[in-house]
Amino acid sequence: MRLCFIDYDREMALVATHLNKETGKREIIGVGRLSRDPNIPESEFALLVTDKYQRSGLGTELLRRLIRIGHEQGLETITAYLLPNNNGMRAVSLKLGFSLEFEDGLIHARLPLEQEALA
């Protein structure tokens, strides 16, 4: 069964799959998502990578692609709220240039997008 409904003015989702050699079927191993209010040039990202594929670079690649999509959509900023003990997401965010600040018990990750960077 496939259920995918996206309002492209508000959301973008990337899905990473892997062919399971035992079953011969594709399995979802990661999802990256941008969600935004179309009236403001900012978007919040979310990532999910299955345990088996964590620390494989998949989360980094999904976020890299979300950043590129943000550039293409003319966004000014991409943000996320991270749990303080999510060291993997903190490392990925820092690696890709996000600033991290503690805010109300969470970590606010923020990346200003410079449109000329893709020119």
PDB file of N, CA and C in Angstrom:
ATOM      1  N   MET A   1       0.842  -1.158   0.000  1.00  0.00           N
ATOM      2  CA  MET A   1       0.000   0.000   0.000  1.00  0.00           C
ATOM      3  C   MET A   1       0.893   1.229   0.000  1.00  0.00           C
ATOM      4  N   ARG A   2       0.533   2.227  -0.786  1.00  0.00           N
ATOM      5  CA  ARG A   2       1.248   3.489  -0.823  1.00  0.00           C
ATOM      6  C   ARG A   2       0.280   4.618  -0.559  1.00  0.00           C
ATOM      7  N   LEU A   3       0.557   5.406   0.447  1.00  0.00           N
ATOM      8  CA  LEU A   3      -0.241   6.595   0.726  1.00  0.00           C
ATOM      9  C   LEU A   3       0.707   7.777   0.810  1.00  0.00           C
ATOM     10  N   CYS A   4       0.651   8.639  -0.153  1.00  0.00           N
ATOM     11  CA  CYS A   4       1.510   9.816  -0.164  1.00  0.00           C
ATOM     12  C   CYS A   4       0.693  11.000  -0.654  1.00  0.00           C
ATOM     13  N   PHE A   5       0.465  11.932   0.223  1.00  0.00           N
ATOM     14  CA  PHE A   5      -0.255  13.142  -0.140  1.00  0.00           C
ATOM     15  C   PHE A   5       0.572  14.326   0.332  1.00  0.00           C
ATOM     16  N   ILE A   6       1.025  15.130  -0.608  1.00  0.00           N
ATOM     17  CA  ILE A   6       1.851  16.273  -0.251  1.00  0.00           C
ATOM     18  C   ILE A   6       1.298  17.517  -0.927  1.00  0.00           C
ATOM     19  N   ASP A   7       1.196  18.579  -0.170  1.00  0.00           N
ATOM     20  CA  ASP A   7       0.867  19.897  -0.692  1.00  0.00           C
ATOM     21  C   ASP A   7       2.215  20.573  -0.937  1.00  0.00           C
ATOM     22  N   TYR A   8       2.648  20.641  -2.193  1.00  0.00           N
ATOM     23  CA  TYR A   8       3.996  21.113  -2.502  1.00  0.00           C
ATOM     24  C   TYR A   8       4.231  22.574  -2.148  1.00  0.00           C
ATOM     25  N   ASP A   9       3.165  23.349  -1.917  1.00  0.00           N
ATOM     26  CA  ASP A   9       3.347  24.718  -1.449  1.00  0.00           C
ATOM     27  C   ASP A   9       3.764  24.738   0.013  1.00  0.00           C
ATOM     28  N   ARG A  10       3.468  23.679   0.731  1.00  0.00           N
ATOM     29  CA  ARG A  10       3.730  23.621   2.166  1.00  0.00           C
ATOM     30  C   ARG A  10       4.741  22.553   2.566  1.00  0.00           C
ATOM     31  N   GLU A  11       4.864  21.503   1.784  1.00  0.00           N
ATOM     32  CA  GLU A  11       5.701  20.382   2.196  1.00  0.00           C
ATOM     33  C   GLU A  11       6.472  19.779   1.031  1.00  0.00           C
ATOM     34  N   MET A  12       7.602  19.206   1.382  1.00  0.00           N
ATOM     35  CA  MET A  12       8.379  18.410   0.440  1.00  0.00           C
ATOM     36  C   MET A  12       8.913  17.232   1.232  1.00  0.00           C
ATOM     37  N   ALA A  13       8.827  16.051   0.674  1.00  0.00           N
ATOM     38  CA  ALA A  13       9.339  14.865   1.356  1.00  0.00           C
ATOM     39  C   ALA A  13      10.227  14.079   0.404  1.00  0.00           C
ATOM     40  N   LEU A  14      11.334  13.604   0.933  1.00  0.00           N
ATOM     41  CA  LEU A  14      12.234  12.714   0.211  1.00  0.00           C
ATOM     42  C   LEU A  14      12.195  11.369   0.914  1.00  0.00           C
ATOM     43  N   VAL A  15      12.124  10.307   0.152  1.00  0.00           N
ATOM     44  CA  VAL A  15      12.061   8.967   0.723  1.00  0.00           C
ATOM     45  C   VAL A  15      13.235   8.159   0.185  1.00  0.00           C
ATOM     46  N   ALA A  16      14.035   7.600   1.088  1.00  0.00           N
ATOM     47  CA  ALA A  16      15.153   6.732   0.708  1.00  0.00           C
ATOM     48  C   ALA A  16      14.705   5.285   0.864  1.00  0.00           C
ATOM     49  N   THR A  17      14.956   4.491  -0.168  1.00  0.00           N
ATOM     50  CA  THR A  17      14.568   3.082  -0.116  1.00  0.00           C
ATOM     51  C   THR A  17      15.780   2.190  -0.354  1.00  0.00           C
ATOM     52  N   HIS A  18      15.629   0.943   0.010  1.00  0.00           N
ATOM     53  CA  HIS A  18      16.682  -0.057  -0.160  1.00  0.00           C
ATOM     54  C   HIS A  18      16.017  -1.357  -0.589  1.00  0.00           C
ATOM     55  N   LEU A  19      16.625  -2.048  -1.537  1.00  0.00           N
ATOM     56  CA  LEU A  19      16.087  -3.330  -1.975  1.00  0.00           C
ATOM     57  C   LEU A  19      16.493  -4.409  -0.979  1.00  0.00           C
ATOM     58  N   ASN A  20      15.516  -4.999  -0.333  1.00  0.00           N
ATOM     59  CA  ASN A  20      15.758  -6.101   0.600  1.00  0.00           C
ATOM     60  C   ASN A  20      16.005  -7.355  -0.229  1.00  0.00           C
ATOM     61  N   LYS A  21      17.229  -7.868  -0.173  1.00  0.00           N
ATOM     62  CA  LYS A  21      17.592  -9.029  -0.996  1.00  0.00           C
ATOM     63  C   LYS A  21      16.848 -10.289  -0.580  1.00  0.00           C
ATOM     64  N   GLU A  22      16.453 -10.364   0.666  1.00  0.00           N
ATOM     65  CA  GLU A  22      15.728 -11.550   1.138  1.00  0.00           C
ATOM     66  C   GLU A  22      14.298 -11.593   0.610  1.00  0.00           C
ATOM     67  N   THR A  23      13.641 -10.439   0.591  1.00  0.00           N
ATOM     68  CA  THR A  23      12.234 -10.404   0.162  1.00  0.00           C
ATOM     69  C   THR A  23      12.065  -9.958  -1.283  1.00  0.00           C
ATOM     70  N   GLY A  24      13.087  -9.310  -1.837  1.00  0.00           N
ATOM     71  CA  GLY A  24      12.979  -8.777  -3.190  1.00  0.00           C
ATOM     72  C   GLY A  24      12.146  -7.512  -3.270  1.00  0.00           C
ATOM     73  N   LYS A  25      11.786  -6.948  -2.122  1.00  0.00           N
ATOM     74  CA  LYS A  25      10.949  -5.745  -2.082  1.00  0.00           C
ATOM     75  C   LYS A  25      11.750  -4.546  -1.595  1.00  0.00           C
ATOM     76  N   ARG A  26      11.316  -3.376  -2.048  1.00  0.00           N
ATOM     77  CA  ARG A  26      11.933  -2.133  -1.582  1.00  0.00           C
ATOM     78  C   ARG A  26      11.376  -1.782  -0.218  1.00  0.00           C
ATOM     79  N   GLU A  27      12.269  -1.327   0.659  1.00  0.00           N
ATOM     80  CA  GLU A  27      11.874  -0.912   2.004  1.00  0.00           C
ATOM     81  C   GLU A  27      12.292   0.531   2.220  1.00  0.00           C
ATOM     82  N   ILE A  28      11.454   1.283   2.899  1.00  0.00           N
ATOM     83  CA  ILE A  28      11.800   2.658   3.254  1.00  0.00           C
ATOM     84  C   ILE A  28      12.811   2.608   4.391  1.00  0.00           C
ATOM     85  N   ILE A  29      13.946   3.295   4.185  1.00  0.00           N
ATOM     86  CA  ILE A  29      14.984   3.322   5.220  1.00  0.00           C
ATOM     87  C   ILE A  29      15.212   4.732   5.766  1.00  0.00           C
ATOM     88  N   GLY A  30      14.632   5.724   5.115  1.00  0.00           N
ATOM     89  CA  GLY A  30      14.784   7.090   5.598  1.00  0.00           C
ATOM     90  C   GLY A  30      13.807   8.034   4.927  1.00  0.00           C
ATOM     91  N   VAL A  31      13.464   9.095   5.654  1.00  0.00           N
ATOM     92  CA  VAL A  31      12.565  10.127   5.132  1.00  0.00           C
ATOM     93  C   VAL A  31      13.094  11.480   5.588  1.00  0.00           C
ATOM     94  N   GLY A  32      13.134  12.421   4.676  1.00  0.00           N
ATOM     95  CA  GLY A  32      13.467  13.805   4.998  1.00  0.00           C
ATOM     96  C   GLY A  32      12.318  14.678   4.554  1.00  0.00           C
ATOM     97  N   ARG A  33      11.980  15.656   5.372  1.00  0.00           N
ATOM     98  CA  ARG A  33      10.795  16.463   5.072  1.00  0.00           C
ATOM     99  C   ARG A  33      11.053  17.935   5.392  1.00  0.00           C
ATOM    100  N   LEU A  34      10.558  18.802   4.516  1.00  0.00           N
ATOM    101  CA  LEU A  34      10.507  20.243   4.765  1.00  0.00           C
ATOM    102  C   LEU A  34       9.043  20.628   4.890  1.00  0.00           C
ATOM    103  N   SER A  35       8.707  21.367   5.928  1.00  0.00           N
ATOM    104  CA  SER A  35       7.335  21.853   6.127  1.00  0.00           C
ATOM    105  C   SER A  35       7.391  23.356   6.320  1.00  0.00           C
ATOM    106  N   ARG A  36       6.472  24.058   5.660  1.00  0.00           N
ATOM    107  CA  ARG A  36       6.513  25.517   5.754  1.00  0.00           C
ATOM    108  C   ARG A  36       5.142  26.134   5.614  1.00  0.00           C
ATOM    109  N   ASP A  37       5.066  27.362   6.075  1.00  0.00           N
ATOM    110  CA  ASP A  37       3.930  28.236   5.808  1.00  0.00           C
ATOM    111  C   ASP A  37       4.297  28.965   4.514  1.00  0.00           C
ATOM    112  N   PRO A  38       3.489  28.857   3.465  1.00  0.00           N
ATOM    113  CA  PRO A  38       3.872  29.473   2.193  1.00  0.00           C
ATOM    114  C   PRO A  38       3.966  30.997   2.244  1.00  0.00           C
ATOM    115  N   ASN A  39       3.521  31.602   3.330  1.00  0.00           N
ATOM    116  CA  ASN A  39       3.569  33.061   3.443  1.00  0.00           C
ATOM    117  C   ASN A  39       4.861  33.576   4.057  1.00  0.00           C
ATOM    118  N   ILE A  40       5.717  32.676   4.546  1.00  0.00           N
ATOM    119  CA  ILE A  40       6.998  33.109   5.102  1.00  0.00           C
ATOM    120  C   ILE A  40       8.119  32.278   4.482  1.00  0.00           C
ATOM    121  N   PRO A  41       9.299  32.877   4.297  1.00  0.00           N
ATOM    122  CA  PRO A  41      10.396  32.182   3.610  1.00  0.00           C
ATOM    123  C   PRO A  41      11.246  31.322   4.551  1.00  0.00           C
ATOM    124  N   GLU A  42      10.601  30.573   5.419  1.00  0.00           N
ATOM    125  CA  GLU A  42      11.306  29.720   6.371  1.00  0.00           C
ATOM    126  C   GLU A  42      10.647  28.346   6.367  1.00  0.00           C
ATOM    127  N   SER A  43      11.438  27.312   6.605  1.00  0.00           N
ATOM    128  CA  SER A  43      10.905  25.956   6.611  1.00  0.00           C
ATOM    129  C   SER A  43      11.540  25.165   7.742  1.00  0.00           C
ATOM    130  N   GLU A  44      10.784  24.215   8.285  1.00  0.00           N
ATOM    131  CA  GLU A  44      11.300  23.339   9.328  1.00  0.00           C
ATOM    132  C   GLU A  44      11.569  21.971   8.715  1.00  0.00           C
ATOM    133  N   PHE A  45      12.730  21.395   9.043  1.00  0.00           N
ATOM    134  CA  PHE A  45      13.036  20.075   8.516  1.00  0.00           C
ATOM    135  C   PHE A  45      12.837  19.014   9.580  1.00  0.00           C
ATOM    136  N   ALA A  46      12.605  17.800   9.111  1.00  0.00           N
ATOM    137  CA  ALA A  46      12.532  16.626   9.982  1.00  0.00           C
ATOM    138  C   ALA A  46      13.180  15.469   9.234  1.00  0.00           C
ATOM    139  N   LEU A  47      13.905  14.642   9.961  1.00  0.00           N
ATOM    140  CA  LEU A  47      14.553  13.468   9.372  1.00  0.00           C
ATOM    141  C   LEU A  47      14.217  12.236  10.185  1.00  0.00           C
ATOM    142  N   LEU A  48      14.096  11.126   9.494  1.00  0.00           N
ATOM    143  CA  LEU A  48      13.918   9.836  10.142  1.00  0.00           C
ATOM    144  C   LEU A  48      14.740   8.824   9.360  1.00  0.00           C
ATOM    145  N   VAL A  49      15.634   8.134  10.053  1.00  0.00           N
ATOM    146  CA  VAL A  49      16.453   7.087   9.447  1.00  0.00           C
ATOM    147  C   VAL A  49      16.323   5.847  10.323  1.00  0.00           C
ATOM    148  N   THR A  50      16.035   4.700   9.702  1.00  0.00           N
ATOM    149  CA  THR A  50      15.900   3.470  10.482  1.00  0.00           C
ATOM    150  C   THR A  50      17.210   3.168  11.201  1.00  0.00           C
ATOM    151  N   ASP A  51      17.093   2.491  12.324  1.00  0.00           N
ATOM    152  CA  ASP A  51      18.262   2.209  13.163  1.00  0.00           C
ATOM    153  C   ASP A  51      19.410   1.585  12.377  1.00  0.00           C
ATOM    154  N   LYS A  52      19.115   0.635  11.535  1.00  0.00           N
ATOM    155  CA  LYS A  52      20.148  -0.090  10.786  1.00  0.00           C
ATOM    156  C   LYS A  52      20.988   0.838   9.907  1.00  0.00           C
ATOM    157  N   TYR A  53      20.407   1.940   9.438  1.00  0.00           N
ATOM    158  CA  TYR A  53      21.102   2.837   8.517  1.00  0.00           C
ATOM    159  C   TYR A  53      21.576   4.131   9.172  1.00  0.00           C
ATOM    160  N   GLN A  54      21.414   4.253  10.484  1.00  0.00           N
ATOM    161  CA  GLN A  54      21.952   5.427  11.167  1.00  0.00           C
ATOM    162  C   GLN A  54      23.475   5.348  11.160  1.00  0.00           C
ATOM    163  N   ARG A  55      24.101   6.508  11.131  1.00  0.00           N
ATOM    164  CA  ARG A  55      25.550   6.643  11.067  1.00  0.00           C
ATOM    165  C   ARG A  55      26.143   6.082   9.767  1.00  0.00           C
ATOM    166  N   SER A  56      25.316   6.047   8.722  1.00  0.00           N
ATOM    167  CA  SER A  56      25.790   5.585   7.407  1.00  0.00           C
ATOM    168  C   SER A  56      25.954   6.744   6.428  1.00  0.00           C
ATOM    169  N   GLY A  57      25.570   7.958   6.850  1.00  0.00           N
ATOM    170  CA  GLY A  57      25.610   9.117   5.965  1.00  0.00           C
ATOM    171  C   GLY A  57      24.273   9.410   5.297  1.00  0.00           C
ATOM    172  N   LEU A  58      23.290   8.555   5.508  1.00  0.00           N
ATOM    173  CA  LEU A  58      21.986   8.753   4.872  1.00  0.00           C
ATOM    174  C   LEU A  58      21.299  10.021   5.370  1.00  0.00           C
ATOM    175  N   GLY A  59      21.305  10.257   6.669  1.00  0.00           N
ATOM    176  CA  GLY A  59      20.687  11.466   7.214  1.00  0.00           C
ATOM    177  C   GLY A  59      21.349  12.724   6.677  1.00  0.00           C
ATOM    178  N   THR A  60      22.677  12.692   6.589  1.00  0.00           N
ATOM    179  CA  THR A  60      23.421  13.832   6.048  1.00  0.00           C
ATOM    180  C   THR A  60      23.015  14.092   4.601  1.00  0.00           C
ATOM    181  N   GLU A  61      22.930  13.039   3.804  1.00  0.00           N
ATOM    182  CA  GLU A  61      22.562  13.201   2.394  1.00  0.00           C
ATOM    183  C   GLU A  61      21.129  13.694   2.242  1.00  0.00           C
ATOM    184  N   LEU A  62      20.209  13.170   3.032  1.00  0.00           N
ATOM    185  CA  LEU A  62      18.824  13.655   2.971  1.00  0.00           C
ATOM    186  C   LEU A  62      18.757  15.138   3.316  1.00  0.00           C
ATOM    187  N   LEU A  63      19.464  15.545   4.371  1.00  0.00           N
ATOM    188  CA  LEU A  63      19.429  16.954   4.770  1.00  0.00           C
ATOM    189  C   LEU A  63      20.107  17.831   3.727  1.00  0.00           C
ATOM    190  N   ARG A  64      21.204  17.367   3.133  1.00  0.00           N
ATOM    191  CA  ARG A  64      21.852  18.121   2.049  1.00  0.00           C
ATOM    192  C   ARG A  64      20.855  18.395   0.916  1.00  0.00           C
ATOM    193  N   ARG A  65      20.107  17.376   0.558  1.00  0.00           N
ATOM    194  CA  ARG A  65      19.137  17.534  -0.531  1.00  0.00           C
ATOM    195  C   ARG A  65      17.989  18.454  -0.128  1.00  0.00           C
ATOM    196  N   LEU A  66      17.564  18.389   1.126  1.00  0.00           N
ATOM    197  CA  LEU A  66      16.524  19.313   1.599  1.00  0.00           C
ATOM    198  C   LEU A  66      17.028  20.754   1.554  1.00  0.00           C
ATOM    199  N   ILE A  67      18.287  20.964   1.903  1.00  0.00           N
ATOM    200  CA  ILE A  67      18.871  22.310   1.841  1.00  0.00           C
ATOM    201  C   ILE A  67      18.858  22.808   0.399  1.00  0.00           C
ATOM    202  N   ARG A  68      19.241  21.948  -0.540  1.00  0.00           N
ATOM    203  CA  ARG A  68      19.233  22.347  -1.953  1.00  0.00           C
ATOM    204  C   ARG A  68      17.808  22.698  -2.403  1.00  0.00           C
ATOM    205  N   ILE A  69      16.845  21.908  -2.004  1.00  0.00           N
ATOM    206  CA  ILE A  69      15.444  22.198  -2.339  1.00  0.00           C
ATOM    207  C   ILE A  69      15.033  23.541  -1.732  1.00  0.00           C
ATOM    208  N   GLY A  70      15.451  23.797  -0.496  1.00  0.00           N
ATOM    209  CA  GLY A  70      15.168  25.083   0.138  1.00  0.00           C
ATOM    210  C   GLY A  70      15.728  26.242  -0.661  1.00  0.00           C
ATOM    211  N   HIS A  71      16.974  26.092  -1.144  1.00  0.00           N
ATOM    212  CA  HIS A  71      17.563  27.113  -2.017  1.00  0.00           C
ATOM    213  C   HIS A  71      16.694  27.318  -3.248  1.00  0.00           C
ATOM    214  N   GLU A  72      16.341  26.214  -3.896  1.00  0.00           N
ATOM    215  CA  GLU A  72      15.562  26.294  -5.135  1.00  0.00           C
ATOM    216  C   GLU A  72      14.193  26.924  -4.914  1.00  0.00           C
ATOM    217  N   GLN A  73      13.619  26.749  -3.726  1.00  0.00           N
ATOM    218  CA  GLN A  73      12.310  27.331  -3.416  1.00  0.00           C
ATOM    219  C   GLN A  73      12.415  28.771  -2.925  1.00  0.00           C
ATOM    220  N   GLY A  74      13.630  29.286  -2.810  1.00  0.00           N
ATOM    221  CA  GLY A  74      13.811  30.662  -2.373  1.00  0.00           C
ATOM    222  C   GLY A  74      13.650  30.871  -0.880  1.00  0.00           C
ATOM    223  N   LEU A  75      13.812  29.811  -0.099  1.00  0.00           N
ATOM    224  CA  LEU A  75      13.716  29.960   1.355  1.00  0.00           C
ATOM    225  C   LEU A  75      14.888  30.775   1.882  1.00  0.00           C
ATOM    226  N   GLU A  76      14.658  31.472   2.973  1.00  0.00           N
ATOM    227  CA  GLU A  76      15.725  32.229   3.618  1.00  0.00           C
ATOM    228  C   GLU A  76      16.361  31.448   4.755  1.00  0.00           C
ATOM    229  N   THR A  77      15.591  30.570   5.389  1.00  0.00           N
ATOM    230  CA  THR A  77      16.079  29.855   6.572  1.00  0.00           C
ATOM    231  C   THR A  77      15.461  28.465   6.651  1.00  0.00           C
ATOM    232  N   ILE A  78      16.264  27.502   7.111  1.00  0.00           N
ATOM    233  CA  ILE A  78      15.764  26.170   7.447  1.00  0.00           C
ATOM    234  C   ILE A  78      16.062  25.950   8.922  1.00  0.00           C
ATOM    235  N   THR A  79      15.080  25.438   9.645  1.00  0.00           N
ATOM    236  CA  THR A  79      15.234  25.245  11.087  1.00  0.00           C
ATOM    237  C   THR A  79      14.760  23.855  11.496  1.00  0.00           C
ATOM    238  N   ALA A  80      15.067  23.510  12.740  1.00  0.00           N
ATOM    239  CA  ALA A  80      14.533  22.285  13.356  1.00  0.00           C
ATOM    240  C   ALA A  80      14.706  22.408  14.855  1.00  0.00           C
ATOM    241  N   TYR A  81      13.913  21.668  15.582  1.00  0.00           N
ATOM    242  CA  TYR A  81      14.087  21.541  17.021  1.00  0.00           C
ATOM    243  C   TYR A  81      14.538  20.118  17.297  1.00  0.00           C
ATOM    244  N   LEU A  82      15.657  19.993  17.985  1.00  0.00           N
ATOM    245  CA  LEU A  82      16.269  18.693  18.261  1.00  0.00           C
ATOM    246  C   LEU A  82      16.214  18.393  19.748  1.00  0.00           C
ATOM    247  N   LEU A  83      16.085  17.129  20.074  1.00  0.00           N
ATOM    248  CA  LEU A  83      16.208  16.725  21.474  1.00  0.00           C
ATOM    249  C   LEU A  83      17.670  16.842  21.881  1.00  0.00           C
ATOM    250  N   PRO A  84      17.946  17.324  23.086  1.00  0.00           N
ATOM    251  CA  PRO A  84      19.334  17.524  23.505  1.00  0.00           C
ATOM    252  C   PRO A  84      20.190  16.255  23.463  1.00  0.00           C
ATOM    253  N   ASN A  85      19.583  15.088  23.644  1.00  0.00           N
ATOM    254  CA  ASN A  85      20.374  13.856  23.641  1.00  0.00           C
ATOM    255  C   ASN A  85      20.507  13.227  22.253  1.00  0.00           C
ATOM    256  N   ASN A  86      20.011  13.891  21.218  1.00  0.00           N
ATOM    257  CA  ASN A  86      20.125  13.371  19.855  1.00  0.00           C
ATOM    258  C   ASN A  86      21.456  13.828  19.260  1.00  0.00           C
ATOM    259  N   ASN A  87      22.515  13.174  19.701  1.00  0.00           N
ATOM    260  CA  ASN A  87      23.865  13.570  19.291  1.00  0.00           C
ATOM    261  C   ASN A  87      24.092  13.421  17.792  1.00  0.00           C
ATOM    262  N   GLY A  88      23.470  12.425  17.182  1.00  0.00           N
ATOM    263  CA  GLY A  88      23.623  12.236  15.744  1.00  0.00           C
ATOM    264  C   GLY A  88      23.089  13.411  14.949  1.00  0.00           C
ATOM    265  N   MET A  89      21.894  13.882  15.282  1.00  0.00           N
ATOM    266  CA  MET A  89      21.320  15.024  14.560  1.00  0.00           C
ATOM    267  C   MET A  89      22.078  16.304  14.864  1.00  0.00           C
ATOM    268  N   ARG A  90      22.560  16.422  16.074  1.00  0.00           N
ATOM    269  CA  ARG A  90      23.373  17.602  16.398  1.00  0.00           C
ATOM    270  C   ARG A  90      24.617  17.623  15.519  1.00  0.00           C
ATOM    271  N   ALA A  91      25.281  16.464  15.385  1.00  0.00           N
ATOM    272  CA  ALA A  91      26.505  16.386  14.578  1.00  0.00           C
ATOM    273  C   ALA A  91      26.219  16.667  13.103  1.00  0.00           C
ATOM    274  N   VAL A  92      25.151  16.091  12.575  1.00  0.00           N
ATOM    275  CA  VAL A  92      24.788  16.325  11.170  1.00  0.00           C
ATOM    276  C   VAL A  92      24.479  17.801  10.950  1.00  0.00           C
ATOM    277  N   SER A  93      23.724  18.397  11.851  1.00  0.00           N
ATOM    278  CA  SER A  93      23.364  19.810  11.715  1.00  0.00           C
ATOM    279  C   SER A  93      24.603  20.696  11.725  1.00  0.00           C
ATOM    280  N   LEU A  94      25.508  20.450  12.652  1.00  0.00           N
ATOM    281  CA  LEU A  94      26.743  21.236  12.709  1.00  0.00           C
ATOM    282  C   LEU A  94      27.582  21.034  11.450  1.00  0.00           C
ATOM    283  N   LYS A  95      27.687  19.801  11.003  1.00  0.00           N
ATOM    284  CA  LYS A  95      28.472  19.472   9.808  1.00  0.00           C
ATOM    285  C   LYS A  95      27.986  20.248   8.587  1.00  0.00           C
ATOM    286  N   LEU A  96      26.677  20.477   8.506  1.00  0.00           N
ATOM    287  CA  LEU A  96      26.102  21.157   7.346  1.00  0.00           C
ATOM    288  C   LEU A  96      25.908  22.655   7.566  1.00  0.00           C
ATOM    289  N   GLY A  97      26.467  23.183   8.662  1.00  0.00           N
ATOM    290  CA  GLY A  97      26.500  24.631   8.848  1.00  0.00           C
ATOM    291  C   GLY A  97      25.410  25.244   9.693  1.00  0.00           C
ATOM    292  N   PHE A  98      24.574  24.436  10.322  1.00  0.00           N
ATOM    293  CA  PHE A  98      23.526  24.970  11.186  1.00  0.00           C
ATOM    294  C   PHE A  98      24.134  25.518  12.470  1.00  0.00           C
ATOM    295  N   SER A  99      23.547  26.590  12.982  1.00  0.00           N
ATOM    296  CA  SER A  99      23.885  27.050  14.329  1.00  0.00           C
ATOM    297  C   SER A  99      22.946  26.329  15.287  1.00  0.00           C
ATOM    298  N   LEU A 100      23.420  26.039  16.493  1.00  0.00           N
ATOM    299  CA  LEU A 100      22.615  25.339  17.493  1.00  0.00           C
ATOM    300  C   LEU A 100      22.524  26.190  18.743  1.00  0.00           C
ATOM    301  N   GLU A 101      21.299  26.391  19.244  1.00  0.00           N
ATOM    302  CA  GLU A 101      21.087  27.149  20.478  1.00  0.00           C
ATOM    303  C   GLU A 101      20.079  26.420  21.348  1.00  0.00           C
ATOM    304  N   PHE A 102      20.354  26.380  22.648  1.00  0.00           N
ATOM    305  CA  PHE A 102      19.390  25.793  23.577  1.00  0.00           C
ATOM    306  C   PHE A 102      18.219  26.751  23.744  1.00  0.00           C
ATOM    307  N   GLU A 103      17.003  26.195  23.681  1.00  0.00           N
ATOM    308  CA  GLU A 103      15.802  27.017  23.769  1.00  0.00           C
ATOM    309  C   GLU A 103      14.675  26.170  24.358  1.00  0.00           C
ATOM    310  N   ASP A 104      14.221  26.519  25.532  1.00  0.00           N
ATOM    311  CA  ASP A 104      13.093  25.833  26.178  1.00  0.00           C
ATOM    312  C   ASP A 104      13.275  24.318  26.267  1.00  0.00           C
ATOM    313  N   GLY A 105      14.465  23.882  26.647  1.00  0.00           N
ATOM    314  CA  GLY A 105      14.729  22.457  26.823  1.00  0.00           C
ATOM    315  C   GLY A 105      15.018  21.698  25.540  1.00  0.00           C
ATOM    316  N   LEU A 106      15.024  22.389  24.415  1.00  0.00           N
ATOM    317  CA  LEU A 106      15.339  21.774  23.126  1.00  0.00           C
ATOM    318  C   LEU A 106      16.522  22.494  22.503  1.00  0.00           C
ATOM    319  N   ILE A 107      17.036  21.938  21.442  1.00  0.00           N
ATOM    320  CA  ILE A 107      18.086  22.612  20.679  1.00  0.00           C
ATOM    321  C   ILE A 107      17.459  23.124  19.388  1.00  0.00           C
ATOM    322  N   HIS A 108      17.588  24.419  19.159  1.00  0.00           N
ATOM    323  CA  HIS A 108      17.072  25.030  17.937  1.00  0.00           C
ATOM    324  C   HIS A 108      18.211  25.070  16.926  1.00  0.00           C
ATOM    325  N   ALA A 109      18.055  24.314  15.841  1.00  0.00           N
ATOM    326  CA  ALA A 109      19.029  24.315  14.747  1.00  0.00           C
ATOM    327  C   ALA A 109      18.532  25.296  13.695  1.00  0.00           C
ATOM    328  N   ARG A 110      19.447  26.126  13.192  1.00  0.00           N
ATOM    329  CA  ARG A 110      19.041  27.169  12.241  1.00  0.00           C
ATOM    330  C   ARG A 110      20.120  27.339  11.181  1.00  0.00           C
ATOM    331  N   LEU A 111      19.689  27.359   9.923  1.00  0.00           N
ATOM    332  CA  LEU A 111      20.614  27.563   8.808  1.00  0.00           C
ATOM    333  C   LEU A 111      20.062  28.643   7.888  1.00  0.00           C
ATOM    334  N   PRO A 112      20.706  29.833   7.880  1.00  0.00           N
ATOM    335  CA  PRO A 112      20.314  30.848   6.900  1.00  0.00           C
ATOM    336  C   PRO A 112      20.789  30.392   5.513  1.00  0.00           C
ATOM    337  N   LEU A 113      19.934  30.494   4.529  1.00  0.00           N
ATOM    338  CA  LEU A 113      20.294  30.096   3.167  1.00  0.00           C
ATOM    339  C   LEU A 113      20.662  31.333   2.371  1.00  0.00           C
ATOM    340  N   GLU A 114      21.823  31.293   1.779  1.00  0.00           N
ATOM    341  CA  GLU A 114      22.263  32.401   0.947  1.00  0.00           C
ATOM    342  C   GLU A 114      22.040  31.997  -0.494  1.00  0.00           C
ATOM    343  N   GLN A 115      21.138  32.681  -1.150  1.00  0.00           N
ATOM    344  CA  GLN A 115      20.724  32.285  -2.496  1.00  0.00           C
ATOM    345  C   GLN A 115      21.871  32.324  -3.502  1.00  0.00           C
ATOM    346  N   GLU A 116      22.812  33.234  -3.323  1.00  0.00           N
ATOM    347  CA  GLU A 116      23.909  33.311  -4.283  1.00  0.00           C
ATOM    348  C   GLU A 116      24.861  32.123  -4.162  1.00  0.00           C
ATOM    349  N   ALA A 117      24.769  31.350  -3.079  1.00  0.00           N
ATOM    350  CA  ALA A 117      25.661  30.206  -2.884  1.00  0.00           C
ATOM    351  C   ALA A 117      25.462  29.142  -3.961  1.00  0.00           C
ATOM    352  N   LEU A 118      24.287  29.078  -4.573  1.00  0.00           N
ATOM    353  CA  LEU A 118      24.036  28.067  -5.599  1.00  0.00           C
ATOM    354  C   LEU A 118      24.271  28.587  -7.011  1.00  0.00           C
ATOM    355  N   ALA A 119      24.555  29.855  -7.137  1.00  0.00           N
ATOM    356  CA  ALA A 119      24.711  30.438  -8.476  1.00  0.00           C
ATOM    357  C   ALA A 119      25.936  29.906  -9.184  1.00  0.00           C
TER     358      ALA A 119
END
